Amino acid sequence: MVRSMAALPPALAAHRLIIGNKCFSYPLLRQAADTDRYELNVFDHEGEATIFLSGTLLLLSADLPPQLPLATESIALPAMQALLDELQGAPTHLYLFATPNARPVLIR
């Protein structure tokens, strides 16, 4: 069962962002005011984000089930931004896993 959160704030941060089997630590996602697209930055202070989500964000195609990969590979900001840009052209879902064994919460 997937729970859902209300409206997503324009900026949020978390401990990790996973796309596929790639991982980026302390992501800060900012939503553009005029589009649904996100820009990725490094989170370095809690005051930067509208909300800090404790756990892991998982971004994936809307037709895939929300499951954390068994293993991930850490990548740098430019590579993760490229993966984010590729996915934003198609329907996606963003989930929060508070812990690896927790039920996913649908954010967007």
Protein backbone atom coordinates (compact mmCIF):
# COMPACT_ATOMS: atom_id res chain seq x y z
CA MET A 1 0.00 0.00 0.00
CA VAL A 2 1.31 3.44 -0.95
CA ARG A 3 0.34 6.45 1.11
CA SER A 4 0.22 9.91 -0.44
CA MET A 5 1.32 13.34 0.77
CA ALA A 6 -0.52 16.56 -0.05
CA ALA A 7 0.95 19.20 -2.33
CA LEU A 8 4.69 19.01 -2.84
CA PRO A 9 6.55 22.14 -1.72
CA PRO A 10 8.66 24.09 -4.23
CA ALA A 11 11.90 22.91 -2.56
CA LEU A 12 12.70 19.85 -0.48
CA ALA A 13 15.71 17.94 0.74
CA ALA A 14 16.36 14.42 1.99
CA HIS A 15 19.16 12.10 3.00
CA ARG A 16 19.37 10.44 -0.44
CA LEU A 17 17.85 10.51 -3.92
CA ILE A 18 17.77 7.30 -5.95
CA ILE A 19 17.09 7.07 -9.67
CA GLY A 20 17.44 3.54 -11.00
CA ASN A 21 20.41 2.14 -9.11
CA LYS A 22 22.18 5.52 -8.88
CA CYS A 23 22.29 7.42 -5.60
CA PHE A 24 22.98 11.04 -4.70
CA SER A 25 23.47 12.10 -1.05
CA TYR A 26 21.76 15.11 0.49
CA PRO A 27 19.81 16.24 -2.56
CA LEU A 28 17.99 19.54 -2.69
CA LEU A 29 15.22 19.53 -5.30
CA ARG A 30 13.87 22.90 -6.39
CA GLN A 31 10.76 23.08 -8.54
CA ALA A 32 10.67 25.74 -11.23
CA ALA A 33 7.87 28.23 -10.66
CA ASP A 34 6.49 27.95 -14.20
CA THR A 35 6.92 24.20 -14.82
CA ASP A 36 6.81 20.84 -13.09
CA ARG A 37 10.54 20.33 -13.63
CA TYR A 38 13.11 20.00 -10.87
CA GLU A 39 16.67 21.19 -10.56
CA LEU A 40 19.04 19.26 -8.32
CA ASN A 41 21.54 20.86 -5.94
CA VAL A 42 23.45 19.78 -2.86
CA PHE A 43 21.69 20.39 0.43
CA ASP A 44 24.01 21.95 3.00
CA HIS A 45 21.77 23.76 5.47
CA GLU A 46 18.25 23.00 6.67
CA GLY A 47 17.19 26.60 6.09
CA GLU A 48 17.59 26.08 2.32
CA ALA A 49 14.69 23.68 1.95
CA THR A 50 11.01 24.28 2.42
CA ILE A 51 10.97 20.85 4.03
CA PHE A 52 13.61 18.25 4.95
CA LEU A 53 12.41 14.68 4.54
CA SER A 54 14.20 12.14 6.68
CA GLY A 55 14.88 9.15 4.49
CA THR A 56 15.37 8.28 0.84
CA LEU A 57 13.60 9.78 -2.16
CA LEU A 58 13.01 7.40 -5.06
CA LEU A 59 12.20 8.87 -8.46
CA LEU A 60 11.02 6.45 -11.11
CA SER A 61 8.79 6.05 -14.12
CA ALA A 62 5.11 6.15 -13.15
CA ASP A 63 4.55 2.65 -14.54
CA LEU A 64 7.10 1.01 -12.20
CA PRO A 65 6.42 -0.20 -8.64
CA PRO A 66 8.14 1.69 -5.79
CA GLN A 67 10.95 -0.60 -4.67
CA LEU A 68 14.36 0.44 -3.42
CA PRO A 69 17.21 -1.26 -5.30
CA LEU A 70 19.27 -3.82 -3.39
CA ALA A 71 22.48 -1.95 -4.19
CA THR A 72 23.21 1.58 -5.37
CA GLU A 73 26.15 3.41 -6.86
CA SER A 74 26.91 6.95 -5.69
CA ILE A 75 27.32 9.46 -8.50
CA ALA A 76 28.19 13.15 -8.74
CA LEU A 77 25.74 16.02 -9.09
CA PRO A 78 26.06 16.51 -12.90
CA ALA A 79 25.41 12.81 -13.60
CA MET A 80 22.39 12.72 -11.28
CA GLN A 81 21.01 15.94 -12.80
CA ALA A 82 21.29 14.30 -16.25
CA LEU A 83 19.28 11.28 -15.01
CA LEU A 84 16.72 13.61 -13.46
CA ASP A 85 16.40 15.56 -16.73
CA GLU A 86 15.86 12.34 -18.70
CA LEU A 87 13.04 11.21 -16.42
CA GLN A 88 11.26 14.55 -16.29
CA GLY A 89 10.14 14.20 -19.91
CA ALA A 90 7.88 11.27 -18.97
CA PRO A 91 5.30 10.63 -16.24
CA THR A 92 7.15 9.94 -12.99
CA HIS A 93 6.45 9.33 -9.33
CA LEU A 94 8.52 10.55 -6.41
CA TYR A 95 8.36 8.40 -3.27
CA LEU A 96 9.77 8.77 0.22
CA PHE A 97 11.06 5.77 2.15
CA ALA A 98 11.60 6.81 5.80
CA THR A 99 13.64 3.61 6.28
CA PRO A 100 14.66 0.87 3.81
CA ASN A 101 11.84 -1.40 5.07
CA ALA A 102 9.17 1.31 5.39
CA ARG A 103 6.18 1.58 3.12
CA PRO A 104 6.70 4.16 0.40
CA VAL A 105 4.91 7.49 0.66
CA LEU A 106 3.90 8.94 -2.70
CA ILE A 107 5.00 12.57 -2.79
CA ARG A 108 4.37 13.36 -6.43
